[in-house]
Every structure is written in structure tokens, then in C-alpha cells.
Amino acid sequence: MAIRDGEKKPLFDSDLQGALSPSPSLLIEKHEICQTDWQTVILPDQVLTLYMKRCGVEYGSRAGDLRGLVLTKGCVVIEKRACEQIFRLDSPTSTLTVRLSDSALTQAAEASPGIRDCVPTDRAARDRRLSSLLYALECERIYGYSAGRLFVDGIEQALAAILVNYDGIACRAAQVFKGGLAPYRMKRVNEFIHARIEEEISLSELAQAAGLSPSHFCSLFRKTLGTTPHQFVLGRRIQHAKTLLSDPSRSILDVALASGFRTHQHFSRIFHRFTGASPSGYRAQL
């Protein structure tokens, strides 16, 4: 995520916590950090850091101009990219750091009215949207990314949409999407989900099936169905699971895996959210 000593390394000098991100574009690092010595880094990509414990930081360029800042719990730092900088943390802290891809930022800029480009600079933001999304990502990390890649893709799109509106440059007329997804595009999406119901499904794959960019697809999808692609796919998985539960020879775990859920626990939690009953309770009522 960062370049230190001429090599690509994690942003902080500590062991990474938990599983790796299921998304190849949204890299996620969880760190428990002790007080650090001075570190020199270059961030080639756009990085956000959520501080989950209060700490102080000194940072700046090699040429000087050092600044001090107190980072409170829930503060999100929009890191400066593509330039050498030094920093030092003066107390232990806990962080969640994510790297957004340029493609996600570009797609968000293209879909946002009046936005041409996104070149965020370093700043500490008390933005509840950013912190809420990153805390949701941390919860998903703790659960081993059990909701799958589509959930992570959705958070990346939301983060990118917020960032381009922080620093985007207004230079073109507002872009208006009339109506929603054309029926033929929706048909392609439904067919794709049906064919891949047992597998991981990413946002980019759904958008590709519809013949649209991910950000354009998300916008039109919500206009068409009033929900997110992630929630829609979950609903389709649950409908598929209901059909399979009518077969008494199938175990609950078999039904979960055949419906695209990684674990019995995750399946049961989502099934109850959609139906108000547990899978076994629903089967008993058939």
C-alpha cells in the first residue's frame, strides 16, 4: 500500500490483522500500532486511514514544514499521494487503512454531476459518512468478509463518490440519468445472478453484465429497484434458498453453500433478516 525503503510495504510497521480483502481493487489493512519512530513513505494510490483510538501525529515533507495534529477516535485521514513524506505517531493506536483504485475514483467522477477529476490532498476529516463506511468495513473484516466481495465493492463505490465530491473540479454540465435500467439490461443481470447464484458475485461483474460502468450501474439500479445491487443479490440468494429448503434431504449447510453463503451463521443471519424466521424454522412451516 505504501513505498518504504524503495519497496512496497504496508503503511505501518506492524503485523496485519485478520483476513485479506476479497476485492483486488480495495486493499484493506488493519493495524494495532505502538508509538513509532520517524518513517518515510510514498503513497502511489489514494489511501484513507480511520483512527479508532485517539493519538497524536507529526508529519510533513523531508524538507521540513512539520506539523502536529491530534487524531481523535473516528477521525479519517485522506492521505496525500505521490509525494515523499515523513510521519511519527506519539502514542499507541488502532487503524483501518484502505486503498481505493483509480478506476473507482474515475468512475465516481464520471457519474457525479459537475465533477471532472478527483485529486484529494492530505486532511483529517470528521465526516460521519466516511467513518461509518470504514467502521462497517471493519465489522465485515472481523466477520471474515462473510458478506462477500459485492459488499466490499459497494463500500468502495460509496467512498469514491464521497471523495470526488470533496475535491472534484466542476467543469462540465450536470449529468442526468433518466429513468432506470432498460429491461434488456435488467434481464442480463438477472440471468447472470441466476447462473452464478452459488458463487461470489462482484459489482464490476454485474455492471459488465449490464454493459455499464459500476458507478452508472449502481445509480440506475437504485432508480429501477429502490435498493442496492448487494441487497438485491442477497434477496435472490434467499429466494433460491427457500426453494432448496423444501427438499428435506438437504442439510441447512448444503442449502447455504448452494445459495452462495460461506457459512451457516451468515446464512442464518441473512435469512432471518429477510424472512423473520430461521432456516430450520421456515422449513418446519412448509
Protein backbone atom coordinates (compact mmCIF):
# COMPACT_ATOMS: atom_id res chain seq x y z
CA MET A 1 0.00 0.00 0.00
CA ALA A 2 2.99 2.30 0.63
CA ILE A 3 6.53 2.56 -0.70
CA ARG A 4 9.10 2.47 2.09
CA ASP A 5 12.82 1.97 1.58
CA GLY A 6 12.17 1.51 -2.13
CA GLU A 7 9.79 -1.45 -1.62
CA LYS A 8 6.02 -1.85 -1.49
CA LYS A 9 5.04 -2.50 2.11
CA PRO A 10 2.11 -1.99 4.50
CA LEU A 11 1.60 1.64 5.53
CA PHE A 12 2.55 0.96 9.15
CA ASP A 13 5.37 -1.16 10.59
CA SER A 14 3.18 -3.68 12.40
CA ASP A 15 1.67 -7.09 11.69
CA LEU A 16 -1.51 -7.06 9.62
CA GLN A 17 -4.63 -8.21 11.47
CA GLY A 18 -7.17 -10.70 10.08
CA ALA A 19 -8.08 -11.87 6.58
CA LEU A 20 -7.17 -10.16 3.32
CA SER A 21 -9.73 -8.14 1.37
CA PRO A 22 -11.75 -10.17 -1.17
CA SER A 23 -11.51 -7.23 -3.58
CA PRO A 24 -8.43 -6.77 -5.80
CA SER A 25 -9.08 -3.01 -6.01
CA LEU A 26 -9.97 -2.09 -2.41
CA LEU A 27 -6.98 -3.15 -0.31
CA ILE A 28 -7.60 -3.19 3.44
CA GLU A 29 -5.05 -3.15 6.28
CA LYS A 30 -5.87 -3.37 10.00
CA HIS A 31 -3.05 -2.35 12.36
CA GLU A 32 -2.51 -2.23 16.12
CA ILE A 33 0.33 0.28 16.37
CA CYS A 34 2.71 1.18 19.15
CA GLN A 35 4.39 4.56 19.30
CA THR A 36 6.53 4.86 16.15
CA ASP A 37 9.87 6.34 15.18
CA TRP A 38 10.06 8.61 12.15
CA GLN A 39 9.03 6.80 8.95
CA THR A 40 9.41 7.93 5.35
CA VAL A 41 6.70 6.83 2.91
CA ILE A 42 5.34 7.46 -0.56
CA LEU A 43 1.71 6.57 -1.28
CA PRO A 44 1.27 5.89 -5.02
CA ASP A 45 -2.51 5.44 -4.68
CA GLN A 46 -5.38 7.13 -2.84
CA VAL A 47 -5.43 5.95 0.78
CA LEU A 48 -7.82 6.60 3.66
CA THR A 49 -6.95 5.85 7.29
CA LEU A 50 -9.57 5.50 10.03
CA TYR A 51 -8.15 6.08 13.53
CA MET A 52 -10.08 4.01 16.06
CA LYS A 53 -8.10 5.26 19.07
CA ARG A 54 -7.01 8.82 19.85
CA CYS A 55 -3.37 9.61 19.12
CA GLY A 56 -1.05 12.43 18.12
CA VAL A 57 0.91 12.57 14.87
CA GLU A 58 3.68 14.74 13.49
CA TYR A 59 4.06 14.79 9.72
CA GLY A 60 5.42 16.76 6.79
CA SER A 61 7.92 16.67 3.93
CA ARG A 62 11.61 15.82 4.13
CA ALA A 63 12.42 19.49 3.55
CA GLY A 64 10.74 20.48 6.78
CA ASP A 65 7.38 22.12 7.42
CA LEU A 66 6.47 19.59 10.12
CA ARG A 67 3.00 19.84 11.61
CA GLY A 68 1.40 18.30 14.67
CA LEU A 69 -2.14 17.00 14.82
CA VAL A 70 -4.32 15.21 17.37
CA LEU A 71 -6.37 12.47 15.72
CA THR A 72 -9.48 11.68 17.72
CA LYS A 73 -11.40 8.39 17.64
CA GLY A 74 -13.36 8.11 14.39
CA CYS A 75 -11.19 10.61 12.52
CA VAL A 76 -10.49 9.74 8.88
CA VAL A 77 -7.28 10.96 7.25
CA ILE A 78 -7.34 11.44 3.48
CA GLU A 79 -3.69 10.68 2.84
CA LYS A 80 -1.55 12.69 0.45
CA ARG A 81 -0.44 10.65 -2.53
CA ALA A 82 2.53 10.54 -4.91
CA CYS A 83 4.96 12.57 -2.78
CA GLU A 84 7.54 11.67 -0.14
CA GLN A 85 6.50 12.46 3.41
CA ILE A 86 7.61 11.62 6.94
CA PHE A 87 5.48 10.96 9.99
CA ARG A 88 5.65 9.80 13.59
CA LEU A 89 2.89 8.62 15.95
CA ASP A 90 3.40 9.64 19.58
CA SER A 91 1.11 7.05 21.21
CA PRO A 92 -0.38 3.57 20.54
CA THR A 93 -3.41 3.50 18.27
CA SER A 94 -5.62 1.24 16.17
CA THR A 95 -6.15 1.95 12.47
CA LEU A 96 -8.02 0.67 9.44
CA THR A 97 -6.37 1.76 6.19
CA VAL A 98 -7.87 1.27 2.74
CA ARG A 99 -6.51 1.89 -0.75
CA LEU A 100 -9.02 2.95 -3.40
CA SER A 101 -8.29 2.18 -7.02
CA ASP A 102 -8.00 4.97 -9.60
CA SER A 103 -10.65 3.22 -11.68
CA ALA A 104 -13.19 3.51 -8.83
CA LEU A 105 -12.39 7.23 -8.42
CA THR A 106 -12.62 7.85 -12.17
CA GLN A 107 -15.97 6.07 -12.45
CA ALA A 108 -17.34 8.01 -9.48
CA ALA A 109 -16.17 11.30 -11.01
CA GLU A 110 -17.78 10.46 -14.35
CA ALA A 111 -21.08 9.69 -12.61
CA SER A 112 -21.11 12.80 -10.41
CA PRO A 113 -22.70 16.00 -11.73
CA GLY A 114 -20.18 18.77 -12.33
CA ILE A 115 -17.13 16.69 -11.35
CA ARG A 116 -14.17 16.30 -13.69
CA ASP A 117 -11.44 14.81 -11.57
CA CYS A 118 -10.50 13.85 -8.03
CA VAL A 119 -7.15 14.82 -6.56
CA PRO A 120 -7.64 14.75 -2.77
CA THR A 121 -4.92 16.25 -0.60
CA ASP A 122 -3.98 15.28 2.93
CA ARG A 123 -6.54 16.28 5.54
CA ALA A 124 -8.17 14.93 8.67
CA ALA A 125 -11.93 14.74 8.28
CA ARG A 126 -14.68 14.39 10.85
CA ASP A 127 -17.03 13.08 8.20
CA ARG A 128 -19.53 10.61 9.58
CA ARG A 129 -20.15 9.19 6.13
CA LEU A 130 -16.51 8.20 5.71
CA SER A 131 -16.11 6.93 9.27
CA SER A 132 -19.40 4.98 9.14
CA LEU A 133 -18.41 3.27 5.89
CA LEU A 134 -14.97 2.40 7.24
CA TYR A 135 -16.40 1.11 10.53
CA ALA A 136 -18.81 -1.05 8.50
CA LEU A 137 -15.81 -2.35 6.58
CA GLU A 138 -14.03 -3.12 9.86
CA CYS A 139 -17.06 -5.11 11.07
CA GLU A 140 -17.07 -7.02 7.80
CA ARG A 141 -13.33 -7.71 8.21
CA ILE A 142 -13.93 -9.07 11.72
CA TYR A 143 -16.55 -11.44 10.28
CA GLY A 144 -14.02 -12.69 7.74
CA TYR A 145 -15.69 -10.83 4.86
CA SER A 146 -18.61 -13.25 5.09
CA ALA A 147 -20.94 -10.95 3.12
CA GLY A 148 -18.64 -11.39 0.14
CA ARG A 149 -16.96 -9.20 -2.43
CA LEU A 150 -20.14 -7.42 -3.57
CA PHE A 151 -20.49 -5.79 -0.13
CA VAL A 152 -16.87 -4.59 -0.24
CA ASP A 153 -17.31 -3.33 -3.81
CA GLY A 154 -20.33 -1.31 -2.72
CA ILE A 155 -18.36 0.36 0.07
CA GLU A 156 -15.55 1.21 -2.35
CA GLN A 157 -18.05 2.88 -4.69
CA ALA A 158 -19.56 4.86 -1.81
CA LEU A 159 -16.13 6.00 -0.54
CA ALA A 160 -15.11 7.06 -4.04
CA ALA A 161 -18.35 9.02 -4.53
CA ILE A 162 -17.71 10.98 -1.31
CA LEU A 163 -14.08 11.70 -2.17
CA VAL A 164 -14.74 13.09 -5.65
CA ASN A 165 -17.25 15.50 -4.16
CA TYR A 166 -14.65 16.66 -1.63
CA ASP A 167 -12.12 17.71 -4.21
CA GLY A 168 -13.64 17.37 -7.66
CA ILE A 169 -13.33 20.30 -10.05
CA ALA A 170 -16.61 21.49 -11.56
CA CYS A 171 -16.11 21.86 -15.29
CA ARG A 172 -18.98 20.24 -17.13
CA ALA A 173 -22.73 20.25 -17.11
CA ALA A 174 -24.59 18.04 -14.68
CA GLN A 175 -25.07 14.51 -15.91
CA VAL A 176 -28.63 13.28 -15.53
CA PHE A 177 -29.63 9.65 -15.80
CA LYS A 178 -33.22 9.48 -16.95
CA GLY A 179 -35.35 6.55 -15.91
CA GLY A 180 -33.68 3.36 -14.74
CA LEU A 181 -32.14 0.21 -16.15
CA ALA A 182 -33.53 -0.76 -19.53
CA PRO A 183 -35.46 -4.08 -19.37
CA TYR A 184 -32.90 -5.86 -21.54
CA ARG A 185 -30.09 -4.81 -19.17
CA MET A 186 -32.08 -5.96 -16.13
CA LYS A 187 -32.73 -9.28 -17.88
CA ARG A 188 -28.99 -9.76 -18.38
CA VAL A 189 -28.33 -9.01 -14.72
CA ASN A 190 -30.98 -11.49 -13.55
CA GLU A 191 -29.63 -14.17 -15.85
CA PHE A 192 -26.09 -13.57 -14.60
CA ILE A 193 -27.15 -13.82 -10.94
CA HIS A 194 -29.13 -17.00 -11.63
CA ALA A 195 -26.14 -18.61 -13.36
CA ARG A 196 -23.76 -17.64 -10.55
CA ILE A 197 -26.07 -18.00 -7.53
CA GLU A 198 -23.68 -20.43 -5.79
CA GLU A 199 -20.63 -18.23 -6.39
CA GLU A 200 -19.11 -14.92 -5.33
CA ILE A 201 -20.50 -12.05 -7.41
CA SER A 202 -18.73 -8.70 -7.69
CA LEU A 203 -20.19 -5.30 -8.50
CA SER A 204 -17.97 -4.98 -11.57
CA GLU A 205 -19.28 -8.31 -12.90
CA LEU A 206 -22.89 -7.20 -12.50
CA ALA A 207 -22.11 -3.89 -14.20
CA GLN A 208 -20.34 -5.72 -17.02
CA ALA A 209 -23.37 -7.99 -17.49
CA ALA A 210 -25.50 -4.86 -17.84
CA GLY A 211 -22.98 -3.22 -20.18
CA LEU A 212 -22.37 -0.24 -17.88
CA SER A 213 -19.66 1.20 -15.64
CA PRO A 214 -20.05 0.21 -11.94
CA SER A 215 -20.99 3.72 -10.79
CA HIS A 216 -23.51 4.25 -13.63
CA PHE A 217 -24.93 0.78 -12.98
CA CYS A 218 -25.39 1.47 -9.25
CA SER A 219 -27.20 4.73 -9.93
CA LEU A 220 -29.60 3.24 -12.47
CA PHE A 221 -30.10 0.09 -10.43
CA ARG A 222 -31.28 2.03 -7.38
CA LYS A 223 -33.61 4.10 -9.57
CA THR A 224 -35.07 0.91 -11.04
CA LEU A 225 -35.49 -1.22 -7.91
CA GLY A 226 -35.06 1.18 -4.99
CA THR A 227 -32.29 -0.91 -3.46
CA THR A 228 -28.58 -1.62 -3.87
CA PRO A 229 -27.16 -4.42 -6.04
CA HIS A 230 -25.79 -6.06 -2.87
CA GLN A 231 -29.21 -6.23 -1.19
CA PHE A 232 -30.84 -7.41 -4.41
CA VAL A 233 -28.37 -10.28 -4.79
CA LEU A 234 -28.91 -11.26 -1.15
CA GLY A 235 -32.65 -11.34 -1.80
CA ARG A 236 -32.17 -13.58 -4.82
CA ARG A 237 -29.97 -15.90 -2.78
CA ILE A 238 -32.62 -16.12 -0.07
CA GLN A 239 -35.34 -16.90 -2.64
CA HIS A 240 -33.14 -19.65 -4.05
CA ALA A 241 -32.53 -20.98 -0.52
CA LYS A 242 -36.29 -21.12 0.16
CA THR A 243 -36.73 -23.39 -2.83
CA LEU A 244 -33.90 -25.67 -1.71
CA LEU A 245 -35.25 -25.87 1.85
CA SER A 246 -38.31 -27.66 0.53
CA ASP A 247 -36.05 -30.66 -0.11
CA PRO A 248 -35.73 -32.42 3.29
CA SER A 249 -32.69 -34.38 2.11
CA ARG A 250 -30.60 -31.20 2.02
CA SER A 251 -28.90 -30.01 5.20
CA ILE A 252 -29.03 -26.35 6.18
CA LEU A 253 -25.31 -26.05 5.42
CA ASP A 254 -25.84 -27.58 1.95
CA VAL A 255 -28.57 -25.03 1.26
CA ALA A 256 -26.35 -22.19 2.49
CA LEU A 257 -23.42 -23.16 0.25
CA ALA A 258 -25.68 -23.80 -2.76
CA SER A 259 -27.12 -20.31 -2.30
CA GLY A 260 -23.76 -18.56 -2.23
CA PHE A 261 -23.25 -18.14 1.53
CA ARG A 262 -19.88 -19.05 3.00
CA THR A 263 -21.01 -20.09 6.47
CA HIS A 264 -24.08 -21.47 8.23
CA GLN A 265 -24.02 -18.49 10.62
CA HIS A 266 -24.01 -15.85 7.90
CA PHE A 267 -26.79 -17.65 6.02
CA SER A 268 -28.95 -17.90 9.13
CA ARG A 269 -28.46 -14.23 9.98
CA ILE A 270 -29.39 -13.00 6.49
CA PHE A 271 -32.26 -15.47 6.15
CA HIS A 272 -33.78 -14.24 9.42
CA ARG A 273 -33.37 -10.61 8.32
CA PHE A 274 -35.29 -11.25 5.09
CA THR A 275 -37.95 -13.68 6.36
CA GLY A 276 -38.22 -13.19 10.12
CA ALA A 277 -37.55 -16.90 10.66
CA SER A 278 -34.54 -19.18 10.91
CA PRO A 279 -33.90 -21.60 8.01
CA SER A 280 -34.92 -24.56 10.17
CA GLY A 281 -38.00 -22.71 11.42
CA TYR A 282 -39.00 -21.83 7.86
CA ARG A 283 -38.55 -25.46 6.78
CA ALA A 284 -40.73 -26.67 9.66
CA GLN A 285 -43.58 -24.47 8.41
CA LEU A 286 -43.53 -25.95 4.89
